[in-house]
């Protein structure tokens, strides 16, 4: 039986991924992750990036629009995180 990660685990994975992708705001992001809204955004990034990775592995002509959509979603979340880190 597959283990389903908890929301806290998903949020933590997203936080770690974002910290690796954005080293310039790593410390600030770690501090701000104490805020539930920021942590939820990290979880949303984990969900979106995991889906993107799966779609890229399964790359077919049918899922190319979804790949583009999830790439854009990941970029949007990264931009929002950068904005939060620079303004709080």
C-alpha atoms as a PDB file:
ATOM      1  CA  UNK A   1       0.000   0.000   0.000  1.00  0.00           C
ATOM      2  CA  UNK A   2       1.399   3.405  -1.010  1.00  0.00           C
ATOM      3  CA  UNK A   3       2.017   5.956   1.701  1.00  0.00           C
ATOM      4  CA  UNK A   4       0.221   9.240   1.139  1.00  0.00           C
ATOM      5  CA  UNK A   5       2.272  12.158   2.435  1.00  0.00           C
ATOM      6  CA  UNK A   6       0.649  14.491   4.934  1.00  0.00           C
ATOM      7  CA  UNK A   7       0.003  18.144   4.187  1.00  0.00           C
ATOM      8  CA  UNK A   8       2.888  19.051   6.507  1.00  0.00           C
ATOM      9  CA  UNK A   9       5.231  16.746   4.554  1.00  0.00           C
ATOM     10  CA  UNK A  10       4.104  18.209   1.228  1.00  0.00           C
ATOM     11  CA  UNK A  11       4.587  21.749   2.526  1.00  0.00           C
ATOM     12  CA  UNK A  12       8.062  20.854   3.831  1.00  0.00           C
ATOM     13  CA  UNK A  13       9.093  19.280   0.515  1.00  0.00           C
ATOM     14  CA  UNK A  14       7.931  22.384  -1.323  1.00  0.00           C
ATOM     15  CA  UNK A  15       9.855  24.600   1.065  1.00  0.00           C
ATOM     16  CA  UNK A  16      13.023  22.580   0.537  1.00  0.00           C
ATOM     17  CA  UNK A  17      12.619  22.615  -3.254  1.00  0.00           C
ATOM     18  CA  UNK A  18      12.099  26.369  -3.269  1.00  0.00           C
ATOM     19  CA  UNK A  19      15.087  26.921  -0.985  1.00  0.00           C
ATOM     20  CA  UNK A  20      17.249  24.932  -3.423  1.00  0.00           C
ATOM     21  CA  UNK A  21      15.880  26.769  -6.458  1.00  0.00           C
ATOM     22  CA  UNK A  22      16.219  30.225  -4.900  1.00  0.00           C
ATOM     23  CA  UNK A  23      19.414  30.360  -2.828  1.00  0.00           C
ATOM     24  CA  UNK A  24      19.385  34.175  -2.689  1.00  0.00           C
ATOM     25  CA  UNK A  25      16.239  34.166  -0.525  1.00  0.00           C
ATOM     26  CA  UNK A  26      16.804  30.820   1.234  1.00  0.00           C
ATOM     27  CA  UNK A  27      17.237  32.244   4.750  1.00  0.00           C
ATOM     28  CA  UNK A  28      14.364  34.702   4.355  1.00  0.00           C
ATOM     29  CA  UNK A  29      12.080  31.995   2.987  1.00  0.00           C
ATOM     30  CA  UNK A  30      12.908  29.666   5.851  1.00  0.00           C
ATOM     31  CA  UNK A  31      11.990  32.413   8.327  1.00  0.00           C
ATOM     32  CA  UNK A  32       8.777  33.313   6.508  1.00  0.00           C
ATOM     33  CA  UNK A  33       7.719  29.666   6.277  1.00  0.00           C
ATOM     34  CA  UNK A  34       6.524  29.963   9.876  1.00  0.00           C
ATOM     35  CA  UNK A  35       3.565  31.814   8.321  1.00  0.00           C
ATOM     36  CA  UNK A  36       0.825  29.348   7.341  1.00  0.00           C
ATOM     37  CA  UNK A  37       0.061  31.190   4.077  1.00  0.00           C
ATOM     38  CA  UNK A  38       3.695  31.033   2.950  1.00  0.00           C
ATOM     39  CA  UNK A  39       3.931  27.388   3.952  1.00  0.00           C
ATOM     40  CA  UNK A  40       0.738  26.592   2.011  1.00  0.00           C
ATOM     41  CA  UNK A  41       2.277  28.285  -1.035  1.00  0.00           C
ATOM     42  CA  UNK A  42       5.304  26.012  -0.621  1.00  0.00           C
ATOM     43  CA  UNK A  43       2.928  23.049  -0.591  1.00  0.00           C
ATOM     44  CA  UNK A  44       1.256  24.309  -3.757  1.00  0.00           C
ATOM     45  CA  UNK A  45       4.697  24.503  -5.368  1.00  0.00           C
ATOM     46  CA  UNK A  46       5.416  20.910  -4.340  1.00  0.00           C
ATOM     47  CA  UNK A  47       2.136  19.720  -5.852  1.00  0.00           C
ATOM     48  CA  UNK A  48       2.680  21.653  -9.086  1.00  0.00           C
ATOM     49  CA  UNK A  49       6.344  20.723  -9.502  1.00  0.00           C
ATOM     50  CA  UNK A  50       5.712  17.032  -8.740  1.00  0.00           C
ATOM     51  CA  UNK A  51       2.928  16.988 -11.334  1.00  0.00           C
ATOM     52  CA  UNK A  52       5.192  18.757 -13.834  1.00  0.00           C
ATOM     53  CA  UNK A  53       7.969  16.209 -13.252  1.00  0.00           C
ATOM     54  CA  UNK A  54       5.519  13.335 -13.775  1.00  0.00           C
ATOM     55  CA  UNK A  55       4.153  14.885 -16.978  1.00  0.00           C
ATOM     56  CA  UNK A  56       7.667  15.440 -18.301  1.00  0.00           C
ATOM     57  CA  UNK A  57       8.588  11.797 -17.645  1.00  0.00           C
ATOM     58  CA  UNK A  58       5.446  10.652 -19.463  1.00  0.00           C
ATOM     59  CA  UNK A  59       5.893  13.214 -22.250  1.00  0.00           C
ATOM     60  CA  UNK A  60       3.347  12.615 -24.968  1.00  0.00           C
ATOM     61  CA  UNK A  61       1.829  14.923 -27.518  1.00  0.00           C
ATOM     62  CA  UNK A  62      -1.391  14.822 -25.541  1.00  0.00           C
ATOM     63  CA  UNK A  63       0.092  16.219 -22.329  1.00  0.00           C
ATOM     64  CA  UNK A  64       2.270  18.973 -23.841  1.00  0.00           C
ATOM     65  CA  UNK A  65      -0.350  21.674 -23.084  1.00  0.00           C
ATOM     66  CA  UNK A  66      -0.456  20.485 -19.461  1.00  0.00           C
ATOM     67  CA  UNK A  67       3.353  20.630 -19.254  1.00  0.00           C
ATOM     68  CA  UNK A  68       3.298  24.238 -20.442  1.00  0.00           C
ATOM     69  CA  UNK A  69       0.549  25.056 -17.952  1.00  0.00           C
ATOM     70  CA  UNK A  70       2.415  23.508 -15.011  1.00  0.00           C
ATOM     71  CA  UNK A  71       5.686  25.183 -16.013  1.00  0.00           C
ATOM     72  CA  UNK A  72       3.872  28.505 -15.916  1.00  0.00           C
ATOM     73  CA  UNK A  73       2.229  27.671 -12.582  1.00  0.00           C
ATOM     74  CA  UNK A  74       5.617  26.816 -11.041  1.00  0.00           C
ATOM     75  CA  UNK A  75       7.101  30.084 -12.342  1.00  0.00           C
ATOM     76  CA  UNK A  76       4.128  32.041 -10.969  1.00  0.00           C
ATOM     77  CA  UNK A  77       4.559  30.493  -7.514  1.00  0.00           C
ATOM     78  CA  UNK A  78       8.311  31.173  -7.594  1.00  0.00           C
ATOM     79  CA  UNK A  79       7.619  34.821  -8.523  1.00  0.00           C
ATOM     80  CA  UNK A  80       5.111  35.131  -5.694  1.00  0.00           C
ATOM     81  CA  UNK A  81       7.603  33.652  -3.222  1.00  0.00           C
ATOM     82  CA  UNK A  82      10.297  36.085  -4.399  1.00  0.00           C
ATOM     83  CA  UNK A  83       7.876  38.983  -3.989  1.00  0.00           C
ATOM     84  CA  UNK A  84       6.913  37.848  -0.487  1.00  0.00           C
ATOM     85  CA  UNK A  85      10.555  37.455   0.502  1.00  0.00           C
ATOM     86  CA  UNK A  86      11.471  40.916  -0.726  1.00  0.00           C
ATOM     87  CA  UNK A  87       8.528  42.732   0.893  1.00  0.00           C
ATOM     88  CA  UNK A  88       8.095  41.184   4.326  1.00  0.00           C
END
